[in-house]
Amino acid sequence: MAAGKQPEEHSMTTIIKDAFTSGAQVSMEMDADEGELFVFHCPAGQGCKVSKWPLDSYHMPIAMAHYAECCELESAV
């Protein structure tokens, strides 16, 4: 990297986010620049578990199913 040049920053875009009374959060975010889709499952008082897929029409339903599964786990608490 050239002196004085800053690394490129990519901004994440939140697609959907749910917060639960337990304090847990589940969110789906994308990095369009990198072509990546993420699901963040953050149970209350624990670190976040991050799952990643390519950002395309094949993987979107897989990521949505995982998101729904994470929300179901938190709703059952």
C-alpha atoms as a PDB file:
ATOM      1  CA  MET A   1       0.000   0.000   0.000  1.00  0.00           C
ATOM      2  CA  ALA A   2       1.339   3.408  -0.897  1.00  0.00           C
ATOM      3  CA  ALA A   3       2.319   5.716   1.960  1.00  0.00           C
ATOM      4  CA  GLY A   4      -0.558   7.901   3.069  1.00  0.00           C
ATOM      5  CA  LYS A   5      -3.132   5.811   1.215  1.00  0.00           C
ATOM      6  CA  GLN A   6      -6.033   4.665   3.357  1.00  0.00           C
ATOM      7  CA  PRO A   7      -7.402   1.136   3.029  1.00  0.00           C
ATOM      8  CA  GLU A   8     -10.708   0.967   1.198  1.00  0.00           C
ATOM      9  CA  GLU A   9     -13.686   0.904   3.540  1.00  0.00           C
ATOM     10  CA  HIS A  10     -16.770  -1.101   2.728  1.00  0.00           C
ATOM     11  CA  SER A  11     -20.051  -0.186   4.292  1.00  0.00           C
ATOM     12  CA  MET A  12     -22.486  -2.836   5.400  1.00  0.00           C
ATOM     13  CA  THR A  13     -26.166  -2.349   4.671  1.00  0.00           C
ATOM     14  CA  THR A  14     -28.688  -3.780   7.133  1.00  0.00           C
ATOM     15  CA  ILE A  15     -31.438  -5.638   5.290  1.00  0.00           C
ATOM     16  CA  ILE A  16     -33.480  -6.757   8.297  1.00  0.00           C
ATOM     17  CA  LYS A  17     -32.988  -6.759  12.063  1.00  0.00           C
ATOM     18  CA  ASP A  18     -34.942  -8.222  14.971  1.00  0.00           C
ATOM     19  CA  ALA A  19     -34.394  -7.508  18.661  1.00  0.00           C
ATOM     20  CA  PHE A  20     -35.807  -9.775  21.367  1.00  0.00           C
ATOM     21  CA  THR A  21     -36.890  -9.086  24.952  1.00  0.00           C
ATOM     22  CA  SER A  22     -34.031 -11.317  26.143  1.00  0.00           C
ATOM     23  CA  GLY A  23     -31.598  -8.776  24.687  1.00  0.00           C
ATOM     24  CA  ALA A  24     -30.679 -11.008  21.753  1.00  0.00           C
ATOM     25  CA  GLN A  25     -30.464  -9.611  18.227  1.00  0.00           C
ATOM     26  CA  VAL A  26     -30.525 -11.180  14.781  1.00  0.00           C
ATOM     27  CA  SER A  27     -29.671  -9.185  11.671  1.00  0.00           C
ATOM     28  CA  MET A  28     -29.002  -9.735   7.994  1.00  0.00           C
ATOM     29  CA  GLU A  29     -26.542  -7.405   6.339  1.00  0.00           C
ATOM     30  CA  MET A  30     -24.853  -7.184   2.977  1.00  0.00           C
ATOM     31  CA  ASP A  31     -21.612  -5.834   1.635  1.00  0.00           C
ATOM     32  CA  ALA A  32     -22.503  -5.022  -1.969  1.00  0.00           C
ATOM     33  CA  ASP A  33     -18.912  -4.004  -2.781  1.00  0.00           C
ATOM     34  CA  GLU A  34     -17.604  -7.443  -1.827  1.00  0.00           C
ATOM     35  CA  GLY A  35     -20.749  -9.322  -2.935  1.00  0.00           C
ATOM     36  CA  GLU A  36     -21.281 -10.919   0.485  1.00  0.00           C
ATOM     37  CA  LEU A  37     -24.344 -11.567   2.627  1.00  0.00           C
ATOM     38  CA  PHE A  38     -24.139 -12.012   6.415  1.00  0.00           C
ATOM     39  CA  VAL A  39     -26.440 -13.189   9.193  1.00  0.00           C
ATOM     40  CA  PHE A  40     -25.425 -12.031  12.681  1.00  0.00           C
ATOM     41  CA  HIS A  41     -26.980 -14.056  15.526  1.00  0.00           C
ATOM     42  CA  CYS A  42     -26.175 -12.378  18.832  1.00  0.00           C
ATOM     43  CA  PRO A  43     -27.693 -14.211  21.815  1.00  0.00           C
ATOM     44  CA  ALA A  44     -28.011 -12.090  24.963  1.00  0.00           C
ATOM     45  CA  GLY A  45     -24.761 -11.903  26.933  1.00  0.00           C
ATOM     46  CA  GLN A  46     -22.774 -13.839  24.325  1.00  0.00           C
ATOM     47  CA  GLY A  47     -20.733 -12.944  21.303  1.00  0.00           C
ATOM     48  CA  CYS A  48     -22.200 -12.931  17.819  1.00  0.00           C
ATOM     49  CA  LYS A  49     -22.220 -15.954  15.547  1.00  0.00           C
ATOM     50  CA  VAL A  50     -21.682 -14.814  11.957  1.00  0.00           C
ATOM     51  CA  SER A  51     -22.668 -16.792   8.868  1.00  0.00           C
ATOM     52  CA  LYS A  52     -21.628 -15.653   5.381  1.00  0.00           C
ATOM     53  CA  TRP A  53     -22.798 -16.416   1.843  1.00  0.00           C
ATOM     54  CA  PRO A  54     -22.187 -14.990  -1.622  1.00  0.00           C
ATOM     55  CA  LEU A  55     -24.656 -12.212  -2.416  1.00  0.00           C
ATOM     56  CA  ASP A  56     -26.705 -13.799  -5.201  1.00  0.00           C
ATOM     57  CA  SER A  57     -30.203 -15.104  -5.912  1.00  0.00           C
ATOM     58  CA  TYR A  58     -29.229 -18.724  -5.169  1.00  0.00           C
ATOM     59  CA  HIS A  59     -27.888 -18.045  -1.665  1.00  0.00           C
ATOM     60  CA  MET A  60     -30.451 -15.399  -0.581  1.00  0.00           C
ATOM     61  CA  PRO A  61     -33.206 -17.953   0.284  1.00  0.00           C
ATOM     62  CA  ILE A  62     -30.650 -20.071   2.169  1.00  0.00           C
ATOM     63  CA  ALA A  63     -29.599 -17.036   4.211  1.00  0.00           C
ATOM     64  CA  MET A  64     -33.252 -16.073   4.824  1.00  0.00           C
ATOM     65  CA  ALA A  65     -34.021 -19.591   6.101  1.00  0.00           C
ATOM     66  CA  HIS A  66     -31.028 -19.365   8.453  1.00  0.00           C
ATOM     67  CA  TYR A  67     -32.205 -15.929   9.632  1.00  0.00           C
ATOM     68  CA  ALA A  68     -35.692 -17.318  10.354  1.00  0.00           C
ATOM     69  CA  GLU A  69     -34.161 -20.263  12.230  1.00  0.00           C
ATOM     70  CA  CYS A  70     -32.100 -17.918  14.422  1.00  0.00           C
ATOM     71  CA  CYS A  71     -35.218 -15.848  15.171  1.00  0.00           C
ATOM     72  CA  GLU A  72     -37.162 -19.008  16.091  1.00  0.00           C
ATOM     73  CA  LEU A  73     -34.405 -20.016  18.517  1.00  0.00           C
ATOM     74  CA  GLU A  74     -34.588 -16.622  20.227  1.00  0.00           C
ATOM     75  CA  SER A  75     -38.407 -16.568  20.275  1.00  0.00           C
ATOM     76  CA  ALA A  76     -38.412 -19.898  22.112  1.00  0.00           C
ATOM     77  CA  VAL A  77     -36.342 -18.462  24.996  1.00  0.00           C
END
